[in-house]
């Protein structure tokens, strides 16, 4: 898979605007400000293909990026308190509309900030993915923000915090030094290839 030949395709603000699903889709999901855009930019080795929002909760569209034979799909970040009820309802309709369609989803990358216990919204999303047998892995971002001892302690805690989702692969990642990026690429290719078999 060539992650370098990729371009912005469309930003969908309602489920009616979603493009037809043909190629395998790799979906990025997570809380506002968790580092989704930074992960996508590191993956494609571009500084601002996915725009890093200065305001959490600002990305209110599903953004599609087209590769040669796959798509990257960036879901809007959830769980930002200052968003209005109407905006939250629109977000839910959009994301549920996406996930409930018959789409070619190869893999969902559920992103959690390693420094903090998963939020209620994180657990709700994980529960949905786990119970619907969706193909997903968990990427733990912001690894570089922790010193070695604190990191090891958090990994042990995370294993307990996510014990309900037994068998789910956890990939620690740093957008600063790229640690974990090769593992993420590998898992994307593995899931995409198994979809095509």
N, C-alpha and C. Protein backbone atom coordinates (compact mmCIF):
# COMPACT_ATOMS: atom_id res chain seq x y z
N UNK A 1 0.84 -1.20 0.00
CA UNK A 1 0.00 0.00 0.00
C UNK A 1 0.87 1.24 0.00
N UNK A 2 0.54 2.17 -0.87
CA UNK A 2 1.32 3.40 -0.96
C UNK A 2 0.60 4.51 -0.20
N UNK A 3 1.14 4.82 1.00
CA UNK A 3 0.51 5.85 1.83
C UNK A 3 0.91 7.27 1.41
N UNK A 4 1.85 7.36 0.46
CA UNK A 4 2.33 8.68 0.05
C UNK A 4 1.49 9.28 -1.07
N UNK A 5 0.88 8.41 -1.88
CA UNK A 5 0.02 8.91 -2.98
C UNK A 5 -1.41 8.98 -2.48
N UNK A 6 -1.71 10.05 -1.82
CA UNK A 6 -3.04 10.19 -1.23
C UNK A 6 -3.45 11.66 -1.26
N UNK A 7 -4.72 11.90 -1.53
CA UNK A 7 -5.21 13.27 -1.63
C UNK A 7 -6.54 13.42 -0.92
N UNK A 8 -6.80 14.65 -0.46
CA UNK A 8 -8.11 14.95 0.12
C UNK A 8 -9.17 14.74 -0.95
N UNK A 9 -10.27 14.07 -0.57
CA UNK A 9 -11.33 13.78 -1.54
C UNK A 9 -12.58 14.60 -1.28
N UNK A 10 -13.17 14.44 -0.09
CA UNK A 10 -14.43 15.13 0.20
C UNK A 10 -14.63 15.23 1.71
N UNK A 11 -15.32 16.30 2.15
CA UNK A 11 -15.74 16.44 3.54
C UNK A 11 -17.26 16.32 3.56
N UNK A 12 -17.78 15.31 4.23
CA UNK A 12 -19.23 15.09 4.28
C UNK A 12 -19.79 15.58 5.61
N UNK A 13 -20.77 16.48 5.53
CA UNK A 13 -21.37 17.04 6.74
C UNK A 13 -22.70 16.39 7.11
N UNK A 14 -23.27 15.61 6.17
CA UNK A 14 -24.50 14.85 6.44
C UNK A 14 -24.33 13.47 5.82
N UNK A 15 -25.12 12.51 6.28
CA UNK A 15 -24.96 11.14 5.77
C UNK A 15 -25.31 11.03 4.29
N UNK A 16 -26.15 11.98 3.80
CA UNK A 16 -26.49 11.97 2.36
C UNK A 16 -25.27 12.33 1.49
N UNK A 17 -24.33 13.06 2.07
CA UNK A 17 -23.16 13.50 1.30
C UNK A 17 -22.04 12.45 1.23
N UNK A 18 -22.22 11.34 1.94
CA UNK A 18 -21.16 10.33 1.97
C UNK A 18 -20.94 9.73 0.59
N UNK A 19 -19.68 9.62 0.15
CA UNK A 19 -19.42 9.05 -1.17
C UNK A 19 -19.70 7.55 -1.18
N UNK A 20 -19.96 7.02 -2.36
CA UNK A 20 -20.19 5.57 -2.51
C UNK A 20 -18.92 4.84 -2.09
N UNK A 21 -19.11 3.74 -1.36
CA UNK A 21 -17.97 2.98 -0.85
C UNK A 21 -17.57 1.89 -1.84
N UNK A 22 -16.37 2.01 -2.39
CA UNK A 22 -15.88 1.01 -3.34
C UNK A 22 -14.59 0.39 -2.80
N UNK A 23 -13.57 1.23 -2.61
CA UNK A 23 -12.28 0.75 -2.10
C UNK A 23 -12.38 0.44 -0.60
N UNK A 24 -11.44 -0.39 -0.09
CA UNK A 24 -11.37 -0.61 1.36
C UNK A 24 -11.16 0.73 2.09
N UNK A 25 -11.85 0.89 3.22
CA UNK A 25 -11.75 2.14 3.98
C UNK A 25 -11.09 1.88 5.34
N UNK A 26 -10.10 2.69 5.66
CA UNK A 26 -9.44 2.63 6.97
C UNK A 26 -9.94 3.85 7.74
N UNK A 27 -10.61 3.58 8.84
CA UNK A 27 -11.36 4.62 9.56
C UNK A 27 -10.61 5.01 10.85
N UNK A 28 -10.54 6.32 11.11
CA UNK A 28 -9.89 6.83 12.31
C UNK A 28 -10.95 7.45 13.22
N UNK A 29 -11.04 6.93 14.43
CA UNK A 29 -12.07 7.37 15.37
C UNK A 29 -11.43 7.71 16.71
N UNK A 30 -11.98 8.72 17.38
CA UNK A 30 -11.44 9.06 18.69
C UNK A 30 -12.01 10.35 19.23
N UNK A 31 -11.70 10.61 20.47
CA UNK A 31 -12.13 11.82 21.18
C UNK A 31 -11.51 13.05 20.51
N UNK A 32 -12.18 14.20 20.63
CA UNK A 32 -11.60 15.46 20.16
C UNK A 32 -10.22 15.64 20.77
N UNK A 33 -9.28 16.12 19.98
CA UNK A 33 -7.94 16.46 20.48
C UNK A 33 -7.10 15.26 20.90
N UNK A 34 -7.41 14.07 20.37
CA UNK A 34 -6.69 12.86 20.78
C UNK A 34 -5.47 12.59 19.88
N UNK A 35 -5.39 13.33 18.76
CA UNK A 35 -4.24 13.16 17.87
C UNK A 35 -4.54 12.41 16.59
N UNK A 36 -5.82 12.43 16.16
CA UNK A 36 -6.18 11.74 14.91
C UNK A 36 -5.48 12.34 13.71
N UNK A 37 -5.58 13.68 13.58
CA UNK A 37 -4.96 14.36 12.43
C UNK A 37 -3.45 14.15 12.40
N UNK A 38 -2.82 14.21 13.57
CA UNK A 38 -1.37 14.01 13.65
C UNK A 38 -0.98 12.61 13.21
N UNK A 39 -1.79 11.62 13.57
CA UNK A 39 -1.53 10.24 13.15
C UNK A 39 -1.67 10.09 11.63
N UNK A 40 -2.74 10.65 11.08
CA UNK A 40 -2.95 10.57 9.62
C UNK A 40 -1.80 11.26 8.89
N UNK A 41 -1.42 12.45 9.35
CA UNK A 41 -0.33 13.20 8.70
C UNK A 41 1.00 12.43 8.76
N UNK A 42 1.24 11.75 9.88
CA UNK A 42 2.48 10.96 10.03
C UNK A 42 2.44 9.76 9.07
N UNK A 43 1.28 9.17 8.94
CA UNK A 43 1.09 8.00 8.08
C UNK A 43 1.38 8.34 6.61
N UNK A 44 0.92 9.51 6.19
CA UNK A 44 1.07 9.90 4.77
C UNK A 44 2.31 10.79 4.55
N UNK A 45 3.05 11.04 5.65
CA UNK A 45 4.26 11.86 5.62
C UNK A 45 4.02 13.24 5.00
N UNK A 46 2.90 13.85 5.42
CA UNK A 46 2.60 15.22 4.98
C UNK A 46 2.27 16.02 6.26
N UNK A 47 2.65 17.28 6.25
CA UNK A 47 2.45 18.07 7.47
C UNK A 47 1.00 18.44 7.73
N UNK A 48 0.24 18.69 6.67
CA UNK A 48 -1.13 19.16 6.93
C UNK A 48 -2.15 18.64 5.92
N UNK A 49 -2.05 17.37 5.56
CA UNK A 49 -3.12 16.78 4.75
C UNK A 49 -4.40 16.80 5.60
N UNK A 50 -4.30 16.22 6.81
CA UNK A 50 -5.40 16.32 7.78
C UNK A 50 -5.09 17.54 8.64
N UNK A 51 -6.03 18.47 8.67
CA UNK A 51 -5.76 19.72 9.41
C UNK A 51 -5.92 19.50 10.91
N UNK A 52 -4.89 19.89 11.64
CA UNK A 52 -4.93 19.80 13.10
C UNK A 52 -5.69 21.02 13.60
N UNK A 53 -6.83 20.78 14.23
CA UNK A 53 -7.68 21.89 14.67
C UNK A 53 -7.14 22.52 15.94
N UNK A 54 -7.12 23.85 15.96
CA UNK A 54 -6.69 24.54 17.18
C UNK A 54 -7.80 24.51 18.22
N UNK A 55 -9.01 24.30 17.74
CA UNK A 55 -10.17 24.22 18.64
C UNK A 55 -10.71 22.81 18.67
N UNK A 56 -10.67 22.13 19.83
CA UNK A 56 -11.24 20.79 19.90
C UNK A 56 -12.73 20.84 19.51
N UNK A 57 -13.18 19.80 18.85
CA UNK A 57 -14.60 19.73 18.48
C UNK A 57 -14.95 20.50 17.24
N UNK A 58 -13.94 21.10 16.59
CA UNK A 58 -14.22 21.95 15.43
C UNK A 58 -14.45 21.14 14.15
N UNK A 59 -13.76 20.00 14.03
CA UNK A 59 -13.92 19.17 12.83
C UNK A 59 -15.28 18.47 12.90
N UNK A 60 -16.23 18.97 12.14
CA UNK A 60 -17.60 18.46 12.24
C UNK A 60 -18.03 17.71 10.99
N UNK A 61 -17.04 17.29 10.20
CA UNK A 61 -17.35 16.53 8.98
C UNK A 61 -16.58 15.23 8.99
N UNK A 62 -17.04 14.27 8.18
CA UNK A 62 -16.24 13.07 7.93
C UNK A 62 -15.37 13.38 6.73
N UNK A 63 -14.08 13.34 6.91
CA UNK A 63 -13.14 13.69 5.84
C UNK A 63 -12.59 12.43 5.18
N UNK A 64 -12.69 12.39 3.86
CA UNK A 64 -12.22 11.25 3.08
C UNK A 64 -10.95 11.62 2.33
N UNK A 65 -9.96 10.72 2.40
CA UNK A 65 -8.70 10.90 1.69
C UNK A 65 -8.50 9.68 0.78
N UNK A 66 -8.28 9.93 -0.49
CA UNK A 66 -8.25 8.84 -1.47
C UNK A 66 -6.83 8.44 -1.82
N UNK A 67 -6.53 7.15 -1.64
CA UNK A 67 -5.25 6.58 -2.08
C UNK A 67 -5.46 5.87 -3.41
N UNK A 68 -4.45 5.16 -3.87
CA UNK A 68 -4.57 4.49 -5.17
C UNK A 68 -5.61 3.38 -5.15
N UNK A 69 -5.67 2.61 -4.06
CA UNK A 69 -6.64 1.52 -4.00
C UNK A 69 -7.28 1.38 -2.62
N UNK A 70 -7.32 2.49 -1.88
CA UNK A 70 -7.94 2.49 -0.56
C UNK A 70 -8.30 3.93 -0.19
N UNK A 71 -9.06 4.07 0.89
CA UNK A 71 -9.41 5.40 1.41
C UNK A 71 -9.08 5.47 2.89
N UNK A 72 -8.66 6.64 3.33
CA UNK A 72 -8.57 6.93 4.76
C UNK A 72 -9.80 7.76 5.10
N UNK A 73 -10.45 7.43 6.21
CA UNK A 73 -11.68 8.12 6.60
C UNK A 73 -11.50 8.66 8.02
N UNK A 74 -11.58 9.98 8.16
CA UNK A 74 -11.38 10.64 9.45
C UNK A 74 -12.74 11.05 10.01
N UNK A 75 -13.19 10.32 11.03
CA UNK A 75 -14.47 10.66 11.68
C UNK A 75 -14.28 11.90 12.56
N UNK A 76 -15.31 12.74 12.71
CA UNK A 76 -15.15 13.90 13.59
C UNK A 76 -14.96 13.45 15.04
N UNK A 77 -14.10 14.16 15.75
CA UNK A 77 -13.84 13.82 17.16
C UNK A 77 -15.10 13.98 18.01
N UNK A 78 -15.27 13.06 18.95
CA UNK A 78 -16.46 13.12 19.81
C UNK A 78 -16.10 13.61 21.21
N UNK A 79 -17.14 13.88 21.99
CA UNK A 79 -16.95 14.12 23.43
C UNK A 79 -16.51 15.51 23.84
N UNK A 80 -16.60 16.49 22.92
CA UNK A 80 -16.18 17.83 23.33
C UNK A 80 -17.37 18.56 23.95
N UNK A 81 -17.23 18.93 25.22
CA UNK A 81 -18.34 19.43 26.04
C UNK A 81 -18.99 20.72 25.51
N UNK A 82 -18.21 21.60 24.87
CA UNK A 82 -18.75 22.91 24.51
C UNK A 82 -19.57 22.91 23.21
N UNK A 83 -19.76 21.74 22.62
CA UNK A 83 -20.55 21.67 21.39
C UNK A 83 -22.04 21.64 21.77
N UNK A 84 -22.87 22.35 21.01
CA UNK A 84 -24.30 22.43 21.32
C UNK A 84 -24.99 21.08 21.14
N UNK A 85 -26.19 20.95 21.76
CA UNK A 85 -26.96 19.70 21.64
C UNK A 85 -27.30 19.40 20.19
N UNK A 86 -27.65 20.43 19.44
CA UNK A 86 -28.00 20.25 18.03
C UNK A 86 -26.81 19.73 17.24
N UNK A 87 -25.63 20.26 17.57
CA UNK A 87 -24.40 19.84 16.88
C UNK A 87 -24.05 18.39 17.24
N UNK A 88 -24.27 18.05 18.53
CA UNK A 88 -24.02 16.67 18.96
C UNK A 88 -24.96 15.71 18.24
N UNK A 89 -26.21 16.13 18.06
CA UNK A 89 -27.21 15.29 17.37
C UNK A 89 -26.81 15.11 15.90
N UNK A 90 -26.33 16.20 15.29
CA UNK A 90 -25.91 16.12 13.89
C UNK A 90 -24.69 15.20 13.76
N UNK A 91 -23.77 15.31 14.73
CA UNK A 91 -22.59 14.45 14.75
C UNK A 91 -23.02 12.98 14.82
N UNK A 92 -23.94 12.69 15.74
CA UNK A 92 -24.40 11.31 15.93
C UNK A 92 -25.04 10.77 14.66
N UNK A 93 -25.88 11.60 14.03
CA UNK A 93 -26.56 11.17 12.79
C UNK A 93 -25.53 10.88 11.70
N UNK A 94 -24.52 11.72 11.62
CA UNK A 94 -23.49 11.59 10.59
C UNK A 94 -22.66 10.32 10.80
N UNK A 95 -22.16 10.15 12.01
CA UNK A 95 -21.29 9.00 12.30
C UNK A 95 -22.07 7.69 12.26
N UNK A 96 -23.27 7.70 12.86
CA UNK A 96 -24.10 6.48 12.83
C UNK A 96 -24.51 6.16 11.40
N UNK A 97 -24.79 7.22 10.61
CA UNK A 97 -25.13 7.04 9.20
C UNK A 97 -23.99 6.37 8.45
N UNK A 98 -22.77 6.80 8.76
CA UNK A 98 -21.59 6.20 8.12
C UNK A 98 -21.43 4.74 8.55
N UNK A 99 -21.43 4.50 9.86
CA UNK A 99 -21.15 3.16 10.37
C UNK A 99 -22.25 2.15 10.06
N UNK A 100 -23.49 2.64 9.85
CA UNK A 100 -24.60 1.71 9.60
C UNK A 100 -24.76 1.37 8.12
N UNK A 101 -24.07 2.12 7.26
CA UNK A 101 -24.14 1.81 5.82
C UNK A 101 -23.34 0.55 5.50
N UNK A 102 -23.69 -0.07 4.39
CA UNK A 102 -22.90 -1.20 3.92
C UNK A 102 -21.64 -0.66 3.27
N UNK A 103 -20.63 -0.41 4.09
CA UNK A 103 -19.39 0.18 3.56
C UNK A 103 -18.26 -0.84 3.61
N UNK A 104 -17.27 -0.62 2.78
CA UNK A 104 -16.10 -1.50 2.70
C UNK A 104 -15.10 -1.15 3.79
N UNK A 105 -15.47 -1.31 5.06
CA UNK A 105 -14.57 -0.94 6.15
C UNK A 105 -13.57 -2.08 6.39
N UNK A 106 -12.30 -1.80 6.09
CA UNK A 106 -11.26 -2.82 6.31
C UNK A 106 -10.82 -2.83 7.77
N UNK A 107 -10.74 -1.62 8.36
CA UNK A 107 -10.24 -1.51 9.73
C UNK A 107 -10.64 -0.18 10.34
N UNK A 108 -11.00 -0.22 11.62
CA UNK A 108 -11.25 1.01 12.38
C UNK A 108 -10.12 1.17 13.38
N UNK A 109 -9.45 2.31 13.32
CA UNK A 109 -8.38 2.61 14.27
C UNK A 109 -8.97 3.50 15.34
N UNK A 110 -9.22 2.91 16.50
CA UNK A 110 -9.81 3.64 17.62
C UNK A 110 -8.66 4.23 18.43
N UNK A 111 -8.66 5.56 18.57
CA UNK A 111 -7.52 6.25 19.16
C UNK A 111 -7.84 6.73 20.58
N UNK A 112 -6.91 6.44 21.49
CA UNK A 112 -7.06 6.84 22.89
C UNK A 112 -5.74 7.47 23.36
N UNK A 113 -5.83 8.56 24.09
CA UNK A 113 -4.64 9.22 24.66
C UNK A 113 -4.14 8.35 25.81
N UNK A 114 -2.92 7.84 25.67
CA UNK A 114 -2.37 6.90 26.66
C UNK A 114 -2.28 7.51 28.07
N UNK A 115 -2.22 8.85 28.14
CA UNK A 115 -2.00 9.50 29.44
C UNK A 115 -3.23 9.45 30.34
N UNK A 116 -4.41 9.24 29.73
CA UNK A 116 -5.64 9.35 30.50
C UNK A 116 -6.48 8.07 30.42
N UNK A 117 -7.24 7.86 31.46
CA UNK A 117 -8.19 6.74 31.44
C UNK A 117 -9.20 6.99 30.32
N UNK A 118 -9.59 5.95 29.56
CA UNK A 118 -10.60 6.15 28.52
C UNK A 118 -11.86 6.81 29.08
N UNK A 119 -12.45 7.71 28.30
CA UNK A 119 -13.65 8.43 28.74
C UNK A 119 -14.88 7.54 28.54
N UNK A 120 -16.01 8.02 29.04
CA UNK A 120 -17.28 7.31 28.85
C UNK A 120 -17.57 7.15 27.34
N UNK A 121 -17.29 8.22 26.57
CA UNK A 121 -17.50 8.16 25.12
C UNK A 121 -16.58 7.13 24.47
N UNK A 122 -15.33 7.05 24.95
CA UNK A 122 -14.41 6.02 24.44
C UNK A 122 -14.99 4.63 24.69
N UNK A 123 -15.45 4.41 25.92
CA UNK A 123 -16.01 3.09 26.26
C UNK A 123 -17.24 2.77 25.41
N UNK A 124 -18.09 3.78 25.19
CA UNK A 124 -19.29 3.56 24.37
C UNK A 124 -18.91 3.15 22.95
N UNK A 125 -17.92 3.84 22.40
CA UNK A 125 -17.46 3.53 21.04
C UNK A 125 -16.86 2.13 20.99
N UNK A 126 -15.99 1.83 21.95
CA UNK A 126 -15.35 0.52 21.99
C UNK A 126 -16.37 -0.60 22.15
N UNK A 127 -17.37 -0.35 22.99
CA UNK A 127 -18.43 -1.34 23.22
C UNK A 127 -19.19 -1.59 21.91
N UNK A 128 -19.49 -0.50 21.20
CA UNK A 128 -20.20 -0.62 19.93
C UNK A 128 -19.37 -1.44 18.93
N UNK A 129 -18.09 -1.11 18.81
CA UNK A 129 -17.21 -1.81 17.86
C UNK A 129 -17.06 -3.28 18.22
N UNK A 130 -16.86 -3.54 19.52
CA UNK A 130 -16.64 -4.91 20.01
C UNK A 130 -17.88 -5.77 19.80
N UNK A 131 -19.05 -5.20 20.18
CA UNK A 131 -20.29 -5.98 20.10
C UNK A 131 -20.77 -6.18 18.66
N UNK A 132 -20.36 -5.27 17.76
CA UNK A 132 -20.79 -5.42 16.37
C UNK A 132 -19.75 -6.19 15.54
N UNK A 133 -18.73 -6.74 16.25
CA UNK A 133 -17.67 -7.51 15.57
C UNK A 133 -16.97 -6.71 14.47
N UNK A 134 -16.87 -5.41 14.65
CA UNK A 134 -16.17 -4.57 13.67
C UNK A 134 -14.67 -4.86 13.74
N UNK A 135 -13.97 -4.79 12.61
CA UNK A 135 -12.51 -4.99 12.65
C UNK A 135 -11.85 -3.73 13.20
N UNK A 136 -11.29 -3.81 14.40
CA UNK A 136 -10.66 -2.60 14.96
C UNK A 136 -9.44 -2.92 15.82
N UNK A 137 -8.57 -1.93 15.90
CA UNK A 137 -7.42 -1.97 16.82
C UNK A 137 -7.45 -0.67 17.61
N UNK A 138 -6.73 -0.64 18.72
CA UNK A 138 -6.64 0.58 19.54
C UNK A 138 -5.23 1.13 19.43
N UNK A 139 -5.14 2.40 19.03
CA UNK A 139 -3.84 3.08 18.99
C UNK A 139 -3.78 4.04 20.18
N UNK A 140 -2.74 3.90 20.98
CA UNK A 140 -2.55 4.74 22.17
C UNK A 140 -1.59 5.87 21.80
N UNK A 141 -2.12 7.07 21.62
CA UNK A 141 -1.30 8.20 21.18
C UNK A 141 -0.61 8.91 22.34
N UNK A 142 0.29 9.81 21.97
CA UNK A 142 1.00 10.71 22.89
C UNK A 142 1.94 9.97 23.84
N UNK A 143 2.46 8.85 23.35
CA UNK A 143 3.43 8.04 24.12
C UNK A 143 4.64 8.87 24.53
N UNK A 144 5.07 9.79 23.65
CA UNK A 144 6.28 10.60 23.91
C UNK A 144 6.11 11.56 25.08
N UNK A 145 4.85 11.77 25.52
CA UNK A 145 4.60 12.71 26.63
C UNK A 145 4.90 12.06 28.00
N UNK A 146 5.16 10.74 27.99
CA UNK A 146 5.41 10.05 29.26
C UNK A 146 6.85 9.56 29.35
N UNK A 147 7.43 9.70 30.55
CA UNK A 147 8.77 9.14 30.77
C UNK A 147 8.61 7.62 30.91
N UNK A 148 9.72 6.89 30.78
CA UNK A 148 9.70 5.43 30.71
C UNK A 148 8.89 4.77 31.84
N UNK A 149 9.15 5.17 33.08
CA UNK A 149 8.46 4.55 34.22
C UNK A 149 6.97 4.83 34.19
N UNK A 150 6.62 6.09 33.90
CA UNK A 150 5.20 6.49 33.83
C UNK A 150 4.51 5.75 32.68
N UNK A 151 5.23 5.56 31.58
CA UNK A 151 4.68 4.85 30.42
C UNK A 151 4.38 3.40 30.78
N UNK A 152 5.35 2.75 31.43
CA UNK A 152 5.16 1.34 31.81
C UNK A 152 3.99 1.18 32.77
N UNK A 153 3.86 2.13 33.69
CA UNK A 153 2.75 2.11 34.66
C UNK A 153 1.42 2.26 33.92
N UNK A 154 1.37 3.21 32.97
CA UNK A 154 0.13 3.44 32.21
C UNK A 154 -0.25 2.23 31.35
N UNK A 155 0.73 1.56 30.77
CA UNK A 155 0.44 0.38 29.95
C UNK A 155 -0.26 -0.68 30.80
N UNK A 156 0.24 -0.90 32.02
CA UNK A 156 -0.39 -1.87 32.93
C UNK A 156 -1.82 -1.44 33.26
N UNK A 157 -1.99 -0.14 33.52
CA UNK A 157 -3.33 0.37 33.86
C UNK A 157 -4.28 0.24 32.67
N UNK A 158 -3.77 0.56 31.48
CA UNK A 158 -4.59 0.48 30.26
C UNK A 158 -5.08 -0.96 30.04
N UNK A 159 -4.21 -1.92 30.28
CA UNK A 159 -4.59 -3.34 30.12
C UNK A 159 -5.80 -3.66 31.01
N UNK A 160 -5.80 -3.11 32.23
CA UNK A 160 -6.93 -3.32 33.15
C UNK A 160 -8.16 -2.55 32.67
N UNK A 161 -7.95 -1.28 32.26
CA UNK A 161 -9.06 -0.42 31.84
C UNK A 161 -9.78 -0.97 30.61
N UNK A 162 -9.03 -1.68 29.76
CA UNK A 162 -9.62 -2.20 28.52
C UNK A 162 -9.81 -3.72 28.56
N UNK A 163 -9.85 -4.27 29.78
CA UNK A 163 -9.96 -5.72 29.94
C UNK A 163 -11.23 -6.30 29.31
N UNK A 164 -12.29 -5.49 29.22
CA UNK A 164 -13.56 -5.97 28.63
C UNK A 164 -13.43 -6.25 27.13
N UNK A 165 -12.39 -5.70 26.51
CA UNK A 165 -12.24 -5.85 25.05
C UNK A 165 -11.08 -6.79 24.75
N UNK A 166 -11.19 -7.95 25.35
CA UNK A 166 -10.16 -8.99 25.28
C UNK A 166 -9.80 -9.32 23.83
N UNK A 167 -8.50 -9.46 23.60
CA UNK A 167 -8.05 -9.86 22.27
C UNK A 167 -7.84 -8.70 21.30
N UNK A 168 -8.18 -7.48 21.73
CA UNK A 168 -8.01 -6.31 20.86
C UNK A 168 -6.55 -5.87 20.89
N UNK A 169 -6.00 -5.64 19.72
CA UNK A 169 -4.59 -5.24 19.62
C UNK A 169 -4.41 -3.79 20.06
N UNK A 170 -3.38 -3.55 20.88
CA UNK A 170 -3.04 -2.20 21.36
C UNK A 170 -1.71 -1.79 20.73
N UNK A 171 -1.68 -0.61 20.12
CA UNK A 171 -0.44 -0.12 19.50
C UNK A 171 -0.08 1.26 20.07
N UNK A 172 0.95 1.34 20.92
CA UNK A 172 1.40 2.64 21.40
C UNK A 172 2.04 3.42 20.25
N UNK A 173 1.81 4.75 20.21
CA UNK A 173 2.26 5.55 19.07
C UNK A 173 2.70 6.94 19.51
N UNK A 174 3.73 7.45 18.84
CA UNK A 174 4.16 8.83 19.05
C UNK A 174 4.20 9.55 17.71
N UNK A 175 3.46 10.65 17.60
CA UNK A 175 3.48 11.46 16.36
C UNK A 175 4.78 12.27 16.28
N UNK A 176 5.46 12.41 17.41
CA UNK A 176 6.70 13.20 17.44
C UNK A 176 7.85 12.43 16.79
N UNK A 177 8.07 11.18 17.23
CA UNK A 177 9.20 10.42 16.68
C UNK A 177 8.78 9.25 15.78
N UNK A 178 7.47 9.09 15.59
CA UNK A 178 6.99 8.05 14.67
C UNK A 178 7.01 6.64 15.25
N UNK A 179 7.31 6.53 16.53
CA UNK A 179 7.33 5.20 17.16
C UNK A 179 5.94 4.56 17.07
N UNK A 180 5.90 3.32 16.59
CA UNK A 180 4.63 2.61 16.45
C UNK A 180 4.03 2.72 15.06
N UNK A 181 4.59 3.62 14.23
CA UNK A 181 4.02 3.86 12.89
C UNK A 181 4.11 2.61 12.00
N UNK A 182 5.25 1.93 12.05
CA UNK A 182 5.41 0.72 11.24
C UNK A 182 4.39 -0.35 11.63
N UNK A 183 4.11 -0.45 12.93
CA UNK A 183 3.11 -1.42 13.42
C UNK A 183 1.72 -1.06 12.89
N UNK A 184 1.43 0.23 12.85
CA UNK A 184 0.12 0.69 12.35
C UNK A 184 -0.01 0.38 10.86
N UNK A 185 1.05 0.68 10.10
CA UNK A 185 1.03 0.38 8.66
C UNK A 185 0.84 -1.11 8.42
N UNK A 186 1.54 -1.90 9.20
CA UNK A 186 1.48 -3.36 9.06
C UNK A 186 0.06 -3.88 9.31
N UNK A 187 -0.57 -3.37 10.36
CA UNK A 187 -1.92 -3.85 10.71
C UNK A 187 -2.94 -3.38 9.66
N UNK A 188 -2.76 -2.18 9.12
CA UNK A 188 -3.65 -1.69 8.05
C UNK A 188 -3.54 -2.60 6.83
N UNK A 189 -2.31 -2.93 6.45
CA UNK A 189 -2.10 -3.78 5.27
C UNK A 189 -2.67 -5.18 5.50
N UNK A 190 -2.46 -5.69 6.70
CA UNK A 190 -2.94 -7.04 7.05
C UNK A 190 -4.47 -7.11 6.93
N UNK A 191 -5.16 -6.14 7.49
CA UNK A 191 -6.64 -6.15 7.45
C UNK A 191 -7.16 -5.89 6.04
N UNK A 192 -6.49 -4.98 5.31
CA UNK A 192 -6.92 -4.67 3.94
C UNK A 192 -6.73 -5.88 3.03
N UNK A 193 -5.58 -6.56 3.17
CA UNK A 193 -5.31 -7.74 2.34
C UNK A 193 -6.27 -8.87 2.65
N UNK A 194 -6.60 -9.06 3.94
CA UNK A 194 -7.50 -10.16 4.30
C UNK A 194 -8.91 -9.90 3.78
N UNK A 195 -9.23 -8.63 3.59
CA UNK A 195 -10.53 -8.24 3.05
C UNK A 195 -10.62 -8.63 1.56
N UNK A 196 -9.48 -8.51 0.89
CA UNK A 196 -9.45 -8.78 -0.54
C UNK A 196 -9.35 -10.27 -0.87
N UNK A 197 -8.94 -11.08 0.12
CA UNK A 197 -8.80 -12.53 -0.11
C UNK A 197 -10.14 -13.21 -0.33
